[in-house]
Protein backbone atom coordinates (compact mmCIF):
# COMPACT_ATOMS: atom_id res chain seq x y z
CA MET A 1 105.61 158.63 37.67
CA SER A 2 108.89 157.10 36.72
CA ASN A 3 110.71 154.99 34.00
CA ASN A 4 111.66 152.41 36.66
CA SER A 5 110.62 148.90 35.40
CA VAL A 6 111.63 145.19 35.62
CA THR A 7 111.07 142.38 33.42
CA LEU A 8 111.50 138.62 34.65
CA HIS A 9 111.28 135.47 32.79
CA ARG A 10 111.07 131.92 34.38
CA VAL A 11 110.01 128.47 33.07
CA LEU A 12 108.14 126.61 35.91
CA LYS A 13 107.35 122.96 36.00
CA ALA A 14 103.62 123.44 36.29
CA SER A 15 100.62 124.17 34.09
CA PRO A 16 99.49 127.47 33.06
CA GLY A 17 96.20 126.94 34.71
CA LYS A 18 97.92 126.24 38.13
CA ILE A 19 100.03 129.18 37.80
CA TYR A 20 97.06 131.46 36.96
CA ARG A 21 95.37 130.15 40.05
CA ALA A 22 98.38 131.15 42.20
CA PHE A 23 97.88 134.84 40.97
CA THR A 24 94.12 134.82 41.54
CA GLU A 25 93.47 133.00 44.75
CA ALA A 26 93.88 135.21 47.88
CA ALA A 27 95.46 132.41 49.98
CA ALA A 28 97.85 131.33 47.19
CA ILE A 29 99.00 134.77 46.47
CA ALA A 30 99.55 135.62 50.18
CA SER A 31 101.90 132.56 50.31
CA TRP A 32 104.24 133.51 47.45
CA LEU A 33 104.00 137.22 46.55
CA PRO A 34 105.78 138.93 49.59
CA PRO A 35 109.65 138.71 49.37
CA TYR A 36 111.30 136.63 51.97
CA GLY A 37 111.13 138.26 55.41
CA PHE A 38 107.70 139.72 54.78
CA VAL A 39 104.16 138.31 55.25
CA CYS A 40 100.96 139.25 53.25
CA THR A 41 97.50 139.94 54.38
CA VAL A 42 95.04 140.08 51.49
CA HIS A 43 92.27 142.41 52.63
CA GLN A 44 90.15 142.18 49.56
CA MET A 45 90.26 140.42 46.07
CA ASP A 46 87.74 140.62 43.37
CA VAL A 47 89.37 138.73 40.49
CA ARG A 48 87.43 140.09 37.39
CA VAL A 49 88.11 142.76 34.75
CA GLU A 50 87.48 146.16 36.73
CA GLY A 51 87.61 144.26 39.97
CA THR A 52 89.92 145.56 42.61
CA PHE A 53 92.24 144.03 45.37
CA LYS A 54 93.82 145.51 48.52
CA MET A 55 96.70 143.83 50.51
CA SER A 56 99.62 144.74 52.60
CA PHE A 57 103.14 143.43 53.16
CA THR A 58 104.56 143.31 56.76
CA ASN A 59 108.27 143.40 57.54
CA PHE A 60 108.51 140.51 59.89
CA THR A 61 111.62 142.01 61.63
CA THR A 62 110.26 145.38 62.32
CA GLY A 63 106.60 144.98 62.25
CA ASN A 64 106.10 147.86 59.82
CA SER A 65 103.84 147.41 56.94
CA HIS A 66 102.87 149.07 53.78
CA SER A 67 99.58 148.57 51.84
CA PHE A 68 98.62 148.82 48.41
CA GLY A 69 95.92 148.08 45.94
CA GLY A 70 94.84 147.88 42.46
CA LYS A 71 92.50 147.14 39.63
CA TYR A 72 92.34 144.12 37.28
CA LEU A 73 92.61 145.41 33.77
CA ALA A 74 92.77 142.24 31.81
CA LEU A 75 92.23 138.59 32.52
CA LYS A 76 92.61 135.54 30.21
CA PRO A 77 92.65 132.26 32.37
CA GLY A 78 95.88 130.28 31.93
CA GLU A 79 97.35 132.87 29.44
CA PHE A 80 97.39 136.58 30.75
CA ILE A 81 96.87 138.91 33.70
CA LYS A 82 97.20 142.71 33.70
CA TYR A 83 96.65 144.74 36.81
CA THR A 84 97.74 148.02 38.41
CA ASP A 85 99.36 148.45 41.61
CA SER A 86 99.28 151.82 43.72
CA PHE A 87 100.84 152.44 47.25
CA ASP A 88 98.69 153.91 49.89
CA ASP A 89 101.72 155.84 51.09
CA PRO A 90 101.36 159.47 49.43
CA ASN A 91 105.17 159.56 49.30
CA MET A 92 105.12 156.68 46.69
CA PRO A 93 102.82 158.05 44.07
CA GLY A 94 101.74 156.61 40.80
CA GLU A 95 100.32 153.57 39.41
CA MET A 96 102.40 150.58 38.47
CA PRO A 97 101.01 148.35 35.64
CA THR A 98 101.98 144.79 35.98
CA THR A 99 101.56 142.28 33.08
CA VAL A 100 101.90 138.56 33.29
CA TRP A 101 102.07 136.32 30.31
CA LEU A 102 101.75 132.42 30.64
CA LYS A 103 102.48 130.11 27.72
CA GLN A 104 102.46 126.38 27.81
CA VAL A 105 105.65 124.71 26.89
CA SER A 106 107.00 121.00 26.75
CA VAL A 107 108.17 121.04 30.43
CA GLY A 108 105.52 123.49 31.89
CA THR A 109 104.99 127.11 31.64
CA ASP A 110 106.92 129.97 30.25
CA ILE A 111 106.22 132.97 32.55
CA LYS A 112 107.12 136.53 31.55
CA ILE A 113 106.21 139.53 34.01
CA THR A 114 106.79 143.25 33.53
CA GLN A 115 106.31 145.98 36.17
CA GLU A 116 106.46 149.45 35.03
CA ASN A 117 106.39 152.90 36.56
CA ILE A 118 107.85 151.67 39.85
CA PRO A 119 108.25 154.81 42.27
CA LEU A 120 111.70 156.35 42.31
CA GLN A 121 111.99 155.50 45.86
CA ILE A 122 112.24 151.90 44.98
CA PRO A 123 115.36 151.12 42.94
CA ALA A 124 114.50 148.95 40.17
CA GLU A 125 117.39 146.49 41.07
CA MET A 126 115.77 146.23 44.57
CA CYS A 127 112.28 145.50 43.00
CA TYR A 128 113.96 142.90 40.78
CA LEU A 129 115.45 141.24 43.91
CA GLY A 130 111.94 141.21 45.51
CA TRP A 131 110.54 139.61 42.53
CA GLN A 132 113.36 137.06 42.35
CA ASP A 133 112.22 135.91 45.83
CA SER A 134 108.67 135.87 44.98
CA LEU A 135 109.04 133.81 41.99
CA GLU A 136 111.18 131.22 43.91
CA LYS A 137 108.44 130.95 46.37
CA LEU A 138 105.87 130.67 43.57
CA ALA A 139 107.89 127.70 42.07
CA LYS A 140 107.82 125.96 45.39
CA LEU A 141 103.99 126.43 45.53
CA VAL A 142 102.96 125.29 41.97
CA GLU A 143 105.74 122.72 40.85
CA PRO A 144 104.98 120.00 43.46
CA GLU A 145 102.41 117.41 42.38
CA ILE A 146 100.79 116.36 45.59
CA PRO A 147 98.04 113.84 45.09
CA ASP A 148 95.04 113.71 47.62
CA ALA A 149 95.25 110.55 49.79
């Protein structure tokens, strides 16, 4: 385990419920969670307390991938998500708790994310850059209001 951690904060022009869905629907999370240059495959996702998930990120340039999974520890629709991540690679040991807070504000949602115990092989600043990519992609998913025709 390490003390490597990141904290991110954004305000998005979308409702807390819509952002919560982006974290809890497999097709949605696959579209925004991997940083630019990676694609995501969600292998399994059981969104409930004590439910588990498994996914992999593939580097589009090299074709190399890494898989990881975790467990949902706490869920409060539209407000709070806490889950763990663990890499399948034994060279990247430990469990990373990730916590997401969603708060309705006048222009949309205030979102705060912390990820702790990032393996030492991943510098915190590299993880932070990856999350910035992911949050930019999240905004592009949840902020448009596209009516059905």
